[in-house]
Amino acid sequence: SWTNLEALKRAARALLEQLREATGTAVSIGIGR
């Protein structure tokens, strides 16, 4: 269940930055295995 989790986190961090720019507000993300 932990396989590829680090890659998923990196994808989520990049997505977080894009959503911050798109909304102009704070966004939080939780990752599931």
PDB file of all heavy atoms in Angstrom:
ATOM      1  N   SER A   1       0.821  -1.212   0.000  1.00  0.00           N
ATOM      2  CA  SER A   1       0.000   0.000   0.000  1.00  0.00           C
ATOM      3  C   SER A   1       0.851   1.256   0.000  1.00  0.00           C
ATOM      4  O   SER A   1       0.357   2.348  -0.265  1.00  0.00           O
ATOM      5  CB  SER A   1      -0.928   0.001   1.219  1.00  0.00           C
ATOM      6  OG  SER A   1      -0.172  -0.028   2.415  1.00  0.00           O
ATOM      7  N   TRP A   2       2.148   1.108   0.298  1.00  0.00           N
ATOM      8  CA  TRP A   2       3.040   2.270   0.334  1.00  0.00           C
ATOM      9  C   TRP A   2       3.816   2.437  -0.966  1.00  0.00           C
ATOM     10  O   TRP A   2       4.547   3.417  -1.128  1.00  0.00           O
ATOM     11  CB  TRP A   2       4.030   2.131   1.496  1.00  0.00           C
ATOM     12  CG  TRP A   2       3.352   1.894   2.804  1.00  0.00           C
ATOM     13  CD1 TRP A   2       3.116   0.694   3.395  1.00  0.00           C
ATOM     14  CD2 TRP A   2       2.770   2.870   3.680  1.00  0.00           C
ATOM     15  NE1 TRP A   2       2.442   0.858   4.585  1.00  0.00           N
ATOM     16  CE2 TRP A   2       2.225   2.193   4.790  1.00  0.00           C
ATOM     17  CE3 TRP A   2       2.691   4.268   3.638  1.00  0.00           C
ATOM     18  CZ2 TRP A   2       1.592   2.841   5.836  1.00  0.00           C
ATOM     19  CZ3 TRP A   2       2.047   4.920   4.688  1.00  0.00           C
ATOM     20  CH2 TRP A   2       1.514   4.212   5.769  1.00  0.00           C
ATOM     21  N   THR A   3       3.664   1.514  -1.908  1.00  0.00           N
ATOM     22  CA  THR A   3       4.391   1.587  -3.175  1.00  0.00           C
ATOM     23  C   THR A   3       3.984   2.845  -3.946  1.00  0.00           C
ATOM     24  O   THR A   3       2.806   3.174  -4.042  1.00  0.00           O
ATOM     25  CB  THR A   3       4.101   0.340  -4.028  1.00  0.00           C
ATOM     26  OG1 THR A   3       4.451  -0.829  -3.287  1.00  0.00           O
ATOM     27  CG2 THR A   3       4.890   0.369  -5.326  1.00  0.00           C
ATOM     28  N   ASN A   4       4.955   3.537  -4.499  1.00  0.00           N
ATOM     29  CA  ASN A   4       4.740   4.729  -5.332  1.00  0.00           C
ATOM     30  C   ASN A   4       4.155   5.907  -4.559  1.00  0.00           C
ATOM     31  O   ASN A   4       3.741   6.905  -5.152  1.00  0.00           O
ATOM     32  CB  ASN A   4       3.837   4.421  -6.533  1.00  0.00           C
ATOM     33  CG  ASN A   4       4.479   3.467  -7.509  1.00  0.00           C
ATOM     34  OD1 ASN A   4       5.695   3.350  -7.566  1.00  0.00           O
ATOM     35  ND2 ASN A   4       3.670   2.745  -8.267  1.00  0.00           N
ATOM     36  N   LEU A   5       4.128   5.815  -3.215  1.00  0.00           N
ATOM     37  CA  LEU A   5       3.525   6.889  -2.427  1.00  0.00           C
ATOM     38  C   LEU A   5       4.326   8.185  -2.530  1.00  0.00           C
ATOM     39  O   LEU A   5       3.750   9.279  -2.552  1.00  0.00           O
ATOM     40  CB  LEU A   5       3.401   6.459  -0.964  1.00  0.00           C
ATOM     41  CG  LEU A   5       2.505   7.324  -0.077  1.00  0.00           C
ATOM     42  CD1 LEU A   5       1.095   7.410  -0.649  1.00  0.00           C
ATOM     43  CD2 LEU A   5       2.465   6.779   1.340  1.00  0.00           C
ATOM     44  N   GLU A   6       5.656   8.085  -2.615  1.00  0.00           N
ATOM     45  CA  GLU A   6       6.466   9.297  -2.723  1.00  0.00           C
ATOM     46  C   GLU A   6       6.183  10.035  -4.027  1.00  0.00           C
ATOM     47  O   GLU A   6       6.127  11.266  -4.062  1.00  0.00           O
ATOM     48  CB  GLU A   6       7.956   8.942  -2.614  1.00  0.00           C
ATOM     49  CG  GLU A   6       8.389   8.498  -1.226  1.00  0.00           C
ATOM     50  CD  GLU A   6       8.070   9.524  -0.154  1.00  0.00           C
ATOM     51  OE1 GLU A   6       8.289  10.734  -0.408  1.00  0.00           O
ATOM     52  OE2 GLU A   6       7.600   9.129   0.927  1.00  0.00           O
ATOM     53  N   ALA A   7       5.996   9.280  -5.118  1.00  0.00           N
ATOM     54  CA  ALA A   7       5.653   9.912  -6.395  1.00  0.00           C
ATOM     55  C   ALA A   7       4.278  10.564  -6.314  1.00  0.00           C
ATOM     56  O   ALA A   7       4.061  11.663  -6.859  1.00  0.00           O
ATOM     57  CB  ALA A   7       5.683   8.877  -7.516  1.00  0.00           C
ATOM     58  N   LEU A   8       3.359   9.913  -5.623  1.00  0.00           N
ATOM     59  CA  LEU A   8       2.016  10.480  -5.450  1.00  0.00           C
ATOM     60  C   LEU A   8       2.072  11.772  -4.638  1.00  0.00           C
ATOM     61  O   LEU A   8       1.363  12.744  -4.940  1.00  0.00           O
ATOM     62  CB  LEU A   8       1.115   9.456  -4.754  1.00  0.00           C
ATOM     63  CG  LEU A   8      -0.400   9.704  -4.815  1.00  0.00           C
ATOM     64  CD1 LEU A   8      -0.892   9.677  -6.256  1.00  0.00           C
ATOM     65  CD2 LEU A   8      -1.142   8.662  -3.985  1.00  0.00           C
ATOM     66  N   LYS A   9       2.926  11.808  -3.633  1.00  0.00           N
ATOM     67  CA  LYS A   9       3.095  13.040  -2.844  1.00  0.00           C
ATOM     68  C   LYS A   9       3.653  14.174  -3.702  1.00  0.00           C
ATOM     69  O   LYS A   9       3.200  15.326  -3.602  1.00  0.00           O
ATOM     70  CB  LYS A   9       4.041  12.788  -1.668  1.00  0.00           C
ATOM     71  CG  LYS A   9       3.494  11.903  -0.574  1.00  0.00           C
ATOM     72  CD  LYS A   9       4.563  11.748   0.513  1.00  0.00           C
ATOM     73  CE  LYS A   9       4.233  10.668   1.506  1.00  0.00           C
ATOM     74  NZ  LYS A   9       5.312  10.496   2.511  1.00  0.00           N
ATOM     75  N   ARG A  10       4.653  13.857  -4.525  1.00  0.00           N
ATOM     76  CA  ARG A  10       5.229  14.902  -5.389  1.00  0.00           C
ATOM     77  C   ARG A  10       4.183  15.437  -6.352  1.00  0.00           C
ATOM     78  O   ARG A  10       4.114  16.646  -6.616  1.00  0.00           O
ATOM     79  CB  ARG A  10       6.436  14.342  -6.139  1.00  0.00           C
ATOM     80  CG  ARG A  10       7.698  14.273  -5.295  1.00  0.00           C
ATOM     81  CD  ARG A  10       8.915  13.930  -6.142  1.00  0.00           C
ATOM     82  NE  ARG A  10       8.915  12.519  -6.509  1.00  0.00           N
ATOM     83  CZ  ARG A  10       9.434  11.545  -5.777  1.00  0.00           C
ATOM     84  NH1 ARG A  10      10.013  11.833  -4.614  1.00  0.00           N
ATOM     85  NH2 ARG A  10       9.396  10.293  -6.174  1.00  0.00           N
ATOM     86  N   ALA A  11       3.353  14.551  -6.879  1.00  0.00           N
ATOM     87  CA  ALA A  11       2.278  14.990  -7.772  1.00  0.00           C
ATOM     88  C   ALA A  11       1.304  15.898  -7.027  1.00  0.00           C
ATOM     89  O   ALA A  11       0.875  16.942  -7.548  1.00  0.00           O
ATOM     90  CB  ALA A  11       1.546  13.772  -8.338  1.00  0.00           C
ATOM     91  N   ALA A  12       0.971  15.531  -5.785  1.00  0.00           N
ATOM     92  CA  ALA A  12       0.031  16.328  -4.995  1.00  0.00           C
ATOM     93  C   ALA A  12       0.604  17.698  -4.655  1.00  0.00           C
ATOM     94  O   ALA A  12      -0.124  18.699  -4.647  1.00  0.00           O
ATOM     95  CB  ALA A  12      -0.338  15.572  -3.721  1.00  0.00           C
ATOM     96  N   ARG A  13       1.902  17.764  -4.363  1.00  0.00           N
ATOM     97  CA  ARG A  13       2.514  19.057  -4.042  1.00  0.00           C
ATOM     98  C   ARG A  13       2.484  19.994  -5.249  1.00  0.00           C
ATOM     99  O   ARG A  13       2.230  21.201  -5.121  1.00  0.00           O
ATOM    100  CB  ARG A  13       3.942  18.860  -3.557  1.00  0.00           C
ATOM    101  CG  ARG A  13       4.028  18.150  -2.201  1.00  0.00           C
ATOM    102  CD  ARG A  13       5.464  18.093  -1.692  1.00  0.00           C
ATOM    103  NE  ARG A  13       5.565  17.201  -0.531  1.00  0.00           N
ATOM    104  CZ  ARG A  13       6.140  16.004  -0.545  1.00  0.00           C
ATOM    105  NH1 ARG A  13       6.695  15.549  -1.670  1.00  0.00           N
ATOM    106  NH2 ARG A  13       6.184  15.265   0.539  1.00  0.00           N
ATOM    107  N   ALA A  14       2.767  19.430  -6.419  1.00  0.00           N
ATOM    108  CA  ALA A  14       2.709  20.250  -7.635  1.00  0.00           C
ATOM    109  C   ALA A  14       1.272  20.696  -7.928  1.00  0.00           C
ATOM    110  O   ALA A  14       1.033  21.833  -8.338  1.00  0.00           O
ATOM    111  CB  ALA A  14       3.275  19.459  -8.813  1.00  0.00           C
ATOM    112  N   LEU A  15       0.315  19.796  -7.701  1.00  0.00           N
ATOM    113  CA  LEU A  15      -1.096  20.143  -7.879  1.00  0.00           C
ATOM    114  C   LEU A  15      -1.500  21.244  -6.906  1.00  0.00           C
ATOM    115  O   LEU A  15      -2.238  22.175  -7.270  1.00  0.00           O
ATOM    116  CB  LEU A  15      -1.970  18.903  -7.670  1.00  0.00           C
ATOM    117  CG  LEU A  15      -3.490  19.133  -7.650  1.00  0.00           C
ATOM    118  CD1 LEU A  15      -3.970  19.680  -8.990  1.00  0.00           C
ATOM    119  CD2 LEU A  15      -4.221  17.833  -7.308  1.00  0.00           C
ATOM    120  N   LEU A  16      -1.024  21.145  -5.654  1.00  0.00           N
ATOM    121  CA  LEU A  16      -1.345  22.147  -4.644  1.00  0.00           C
ATOM    122  C   LEU A  16      -0.930  23.540  -5.110  1.00  0.00           C
ATOM    123  O   LEU A  16      -1.691  24.511  -4.965  1.00  0.00           O
ATOM    124  CB  LEU A  16      -0.640  21.796  -3.334  1.00  0.00           C
ATOM    125  CG  LEU A  16      -0.880  22.727  -2.146  1.00  0.00           C
ATOM    126  CD1 LEU A  16      -2.320  22.644  -1.676  1.00  0.00           C
ATOM    127  CD2 LEU A  16       0.061  22.386  -0.999  1.00  0.00           C
ATOM    128  N   GLU A  17       0.257  23.660  -5.663  1.00  0.00           N
ATOM    129  CA  GLU A  17       0.736  24.962  -6.139  1.00  0.00           C
ATOM    130  C   GLU A  17      -0.148  25.487  -7.265  1.00  0.00           C
ATOM    131  O   GLU A  17      -0.463  26.683  -7.320  1.00  0.00           O
ATOM    132  CB  GLU A  17       2.193  24.850  -6.605  1.00  0.00           C
ATOM    133  CG  GLU A  17       3.181  24.587  -5.486  1.00  0.00           C
ATOM    134  CD  GLU A  17       3.109  25.649  -4.395  1.00  0.00           C
ATOM    135  OE1 GLU A  17       3.002  26.857  -4.734  1.00  0.00           O
ATOM    136  OE2 GLU A  17       3.125  25.284  -3.206  1.00  0.00           O
ATOM    137  N   GLN A  18      -0.562  24.601  -8.157  1.00  0.00           N
ATOM    138  CA  GLN A  18      -1.407  25.048  -9.273  1.00  0.00           C
ATOM    139  C   GLN A  18      -2.771  25.514  -8.765  1.00  0.00           C
ATOM    140  O   GLN A  18      -3.309  26.526  -9.238  1.00  0.00           O
ATOM    141  CB  GLN A  18      -1.591  23.913 -10.287  1.00  0.00           C
ATOM    142  CG  GLN A  18      -2.565  24.278 -11.415  1.00  0.00           C
ATOM    143  CD  GLN A  18      -2.376  23.425 -12.643  1.00  0.00           C
ATOM    144  OE1 GLN A  18      -1.267  23.247 -13.127  1.00  0.00           O
ATOM    145  NE2 GLN A  18      -3.473  22.876 -13.151  1.00  0.00           N
ATOM    146  N   LEU A  19      -3.338  24.789  -7.797  1.00  0.00           N
ATOM    147  CA  LEU A  19      -4.647  25.170  -7.272  1.00  0.00           C
ATOM    148  C   LEU A  19      -4.565  26.475  -6.480  1.00  0.00           C
ATOM    149  O   LEU A  19      -5.503  27.269  -6.490  1.00  0.00           O
ATOM    150  CB  LEU A  19      -5.203  24.047  -6.393  1.00  0.00           C
ATOM    151  CG  LEU A  19      -5.608  22.768  -7.136  1.00  0.00           C
ATOM    152  CD1 LEU A  19      -6.068  21.697  -6.148  1.00  0.00           C
ATOM    153  CD2 LEU A  19      -6.710  23.056  -8.153  1.00  0.00           C
ATOM    154  N   ARG A  20      -3.458  26.712  -5.802  1.00  0.00           N
ATOM    155  CA  ARG A  20      -3.270  27.981  -5.101  1.00  0.00           C
ATOM    156  C   ARG A  20      -3.299  29.144  -6.084  1.00  0.00           C
ATOM    157  O   ARG A  20      -3.922  30.181  -5.848  1.00  0.00           O
ATOM    158  CB  ARG A  20      -1.939  27.985  -4.346  1.00  0.00           C
ATOM    159  CG  ARG A  20      -1.948  27.231  -3.027  1.00  0.00           C
ATOM    160  CD  ARG A  20      -0.547  27.176  -2.455  1.00  0.00           C
ATOM    161  NE  ARG A  20      -0.490  26.500  -1.164  1.00  0.00           N
ATOM    162  CZ  ARG A  20       0.629  26.124  -0.563  1.00  0.00           C
ATOM    163  NH1 ARG A  20       1.795  26.361  -1.154  1.00  0.00           N
ATOM    164  NH2 ARG A  20       0.601  25.514   0.598  1.00  0.00           N
ATOM    165  N   GLU A  21      -2.605  28.959  -7.210  1.00  0.00           N
ATOM    166  CA  GLU A  21      -2.569  30.012  -8.230  1.00  0.00           C
ATOM    167  C   GLU A  21      -3.946  30.188  -8.874  1.00  0.00           C
ATOM    168  O   GLU A  21      -4.370  31.309  -9.160  1.00  0.00           O
ATOM    169  CB  GLU A  21      -1.533  29.668  -9.296  1.00  0.00           C
ATOM    170  CG  GLU A  21      -0.090  29.693  -8.789  1.00  0.00           C
ATOM    171  CD  GLU A  21       0.913  29.346  -9.871  1.00  0.00           C
ATOM    172  OE1 GLU A  21       0.488  29.246 -11.049  1.00  0.00           O
ATOM    173  OE2 GLU A  21       2.105  29.176  -9.559  1.00  0.00           O
ATOM    174  N   ALA A  22      -4.641  29.062  -9.087  1.00  0.00           N
ATOM    175  CA  ALA A  22      -5.937  29.124  -9.768  1.00  0.00           C
ATOM    176  C   ALA A  22      -7.015  29.763  -8.903  1.00  0.00           C
ATOM    177  O   ALA A  22      -7.886  30.485  -9.410  1.00  0.00           O
ATOM    178  CB  ALA A  22      -6.369  27.722 -10.180  1.00  0.00           C
ATOM    179  N   THR A  23      -6.968  29.514  -7.588  1.00  0.00           N
ATOM    180  CA  THR A  23      -8.012  30.017  -6.699  1.00  0.00           C
ATOM    181  C   THR A  23      -7.606  31.289  -5.958  1.00  0.00           C
ATOM    182  O   THR A  23      -8.469  32.040  -5.498  1.00  0.00           O
ATOM    183  CB  THR A  23      -8.397  28.951  -5.650  1.00  0.00           C
ATOM    184  OG1 THR A  23      -7.258  28.682  -4.815  1.00  0.00           O
ATOM    185  CG2 THR A  23      -8.840  27.665  -6.331  1.00  0.00           C
ATOM    186  N   GLY A  24      -6.301  31.499  -5.821  1.00  0.00           N
ATOM    187  CA  GLY A  24      -5.830  32.647  -5.061  1.00  0.00           C
ATOM    188  C   GLY A  24      -6.071  32.500  -3.575  1.00  0.00           C
ATOM    189  O   GLY A  24      -6.025  33.489  -2.829  1.00  0.00           O
ATOM    190  N   THR A  25      -6.325  31.290  -3.118  1.00  0.00           N
ATOM    191  CA  THR A  25      -6.597  31.037  -1.705  1.00  0.00           C
ATOM    192  C   THR A  25      -5.817  29.811  -1.242  1.00  0.00           C
ATOM    193  O   THR A  25      -5.218  29.088  -2.037  1.00  0.00           O
ATOM    194  CB  THR A  25      -8.098  30.784  -1.454  1.00  0.00           C
ATOM    195  OG1 THR A  25      -8.511  29.657  -2.241  1.00  0.00           O
ATOM    196  CG2 THR A  25      -8.925  31.997  -1.838  1.00  0.00           C
ATOM    197  N   ALA A  26      -5.872  29.557   0.070  1.00  0.00           N
ATOM    198  CA  ALA A  26      -5.190  28.397   0.644  1.00  0.00           C
ATOM    199  C   ALA A  26      -5.948  27.119   0.310  1.00  0.00           C
ATOM    200  O   ALA A  26      -7.176  27.071   0.391  1.00  0.00           O
ATOM    201  CB  ALA A  26      -5.070  28.555   2.156  1.00  0.00           C
ATOM    202  N   VAL A  27      -5.202  26.100  -0.068  1.00  0.00           N
ATOM    203  CA  VAL A  27      -5.767  24.781  -0.369  1.00  0.00           C
ATOM    204  C   VAL A  27      -4.940  23.741   0.383  1.00  0.00           C
ATOM    205  O   VAL A  27      -3.713  23.876   0.484  1.00  0.00           O
ATOM    206  CB  VAL A  27      -5.729  24.486  -1.882  1.00  0.00           C
ATOM    207  CG1 VAL A  27      -6.245  23.079  -2.169  1.00  0.00           C
ATOM    208  CG2 VAL A  27      -6.556  25.511  -2.647  1.00  0.00           C
ATOM    209  N   SER A  28      -5.602  22.724   0.937  1.00  0.00           N
ATOM    210  CA  SER A  28      -4.908  21.638   1.621  1.00  0.00           C
ATOM    211  C   SER A  28      -5.228  20.319   0.935  1.00  0.00           C
ATOM    212  O   SER A  28      -6.304  20.161   0.338  1.00  0.00           O
ATOM    213  CB  SER A  28      -5.329  21.564   3.096  1.00  0.00           C
ATOM    214  OG  SER A  28      -5.013  22.755   3.770  1.00  0.00           O
ATOM    215  N   ILE A  29      -4.297  19.361   1.007  1.00  0.00           N
ATOM    216  CA  ILE A  29      -4.490  18.077   0.334  1.00  0.00           C
ATOM    217  C   ILE A  29      -4.088  16.935   1.272  1.00  0.00           C
ATOM    218  O   ILE A  29      -3.039  16.978   1.911  1.00  0.00           O
ATOM    219  CB  ILE A  29      -3.656  17.993  -0.962  1.00  0.00           C
ATOM    220  CG1 ILE A  29      -4.207  18.968  -2.009  1.00  0.00           C
ATOM    221  CG2 ILE A  29      -3.639  16.575  -1.515  1.00  0.00           C
ATOM    222  CD1 ILE A  29      -3.419  18.971  -3.316  1.00  0.00           C
ATOM    223  N   GLY A  30      -4.931  15.925   1.339  1.00  0.00           N
ATOM    224  CA  GLY A  30      -4.619  14.698   2.068  1.00  0.00           C
ATOM    225  C   GLY A  30      -4.391  13.566   1.084  1.00  0.00           C
ATOM    226  O   GLY A  30      -5.111  13.449   0.082  1.00  0.00           O
ATOM    227  N   ILE A  31      -3.383  12.739   1.350  1.00  0.00           N
ATOM    228  CA  ILE A  31      -3.038  11.633   0.454  1.00  0.00           C
ATOM    229  C   ILE A  31      -3.425  10.309   1.105  1.00  0.00           C
ATOM    230  O   ILE A  31      -3.113  10.050   2.271  1.00  0.00           O
ATOM    231  CB  ILE A  31      -1.521  11.612   0.163  1.00  0.00           C
ATOM    232  CG1 ILE A  31      -1.096  12.908  -0.520  1.00  0.00           C
ATOM    233  CG2 ILE A  31      -1.155  10.410  -0.707  1.00  0.00           C
ATOM    234  CD1 ILE A  31      -1.635  13.073  -1.901  1.00  0.00           C
ATOM    235  N   GLY A  32      -4.097   9.461   0.343  1.00  0.00           N
ATOM    236  CA  GLY A  32      -4.429   8.119   0.816  1.00  0.00           C
ATOM    237  C   GLY A  32      -3.563   7.080   0.132  1.00  0.00           C
ATOM    238  O   GLY A  32      -3.171   7.252  -1.026  1.00  0.00           O
ATOM    239  N   ARG A  33      -3.265   6.010   0.847  1.00  0.00           N
ATOM    240  CA  ARG A  33      -2.500   4.910   0.251  1.00  0.00           C
ATOM    241  C   ARG A  33      -3.380   4.114  -0.711  1.00  0.00           C
ATOM    242  O   ARG A  33      -4.602   4.149  -0.635  1.00  0.00           O
ATOM    243  CB  ARG A  33      -2.003   3.955   1.331  1.00  0.00           C
ATOM    244  CG  ARG A  33      -1.075   4.552   2.350  1.00  0.00           C
ATOM    245  CD  ARG A  33      -0.875   3.565   3.495  1.00  0.00           C
ATOM    246  NE  ARG A  33      -2.089   3.370   4.263  1.00  0.00           N
ATOM    247  CZ  ARG A  33      -2.373   2.299   4.992  1.00  0.00           C
ATOM    248  NH1 ARG A  33      -1.515   1.291   5.021  1.00  0.00           N
ATOM    249  NH2 ARG A  33      -3.492   2.204   5.677  1.00  0.00           N
TER     250      ARG A  33
END
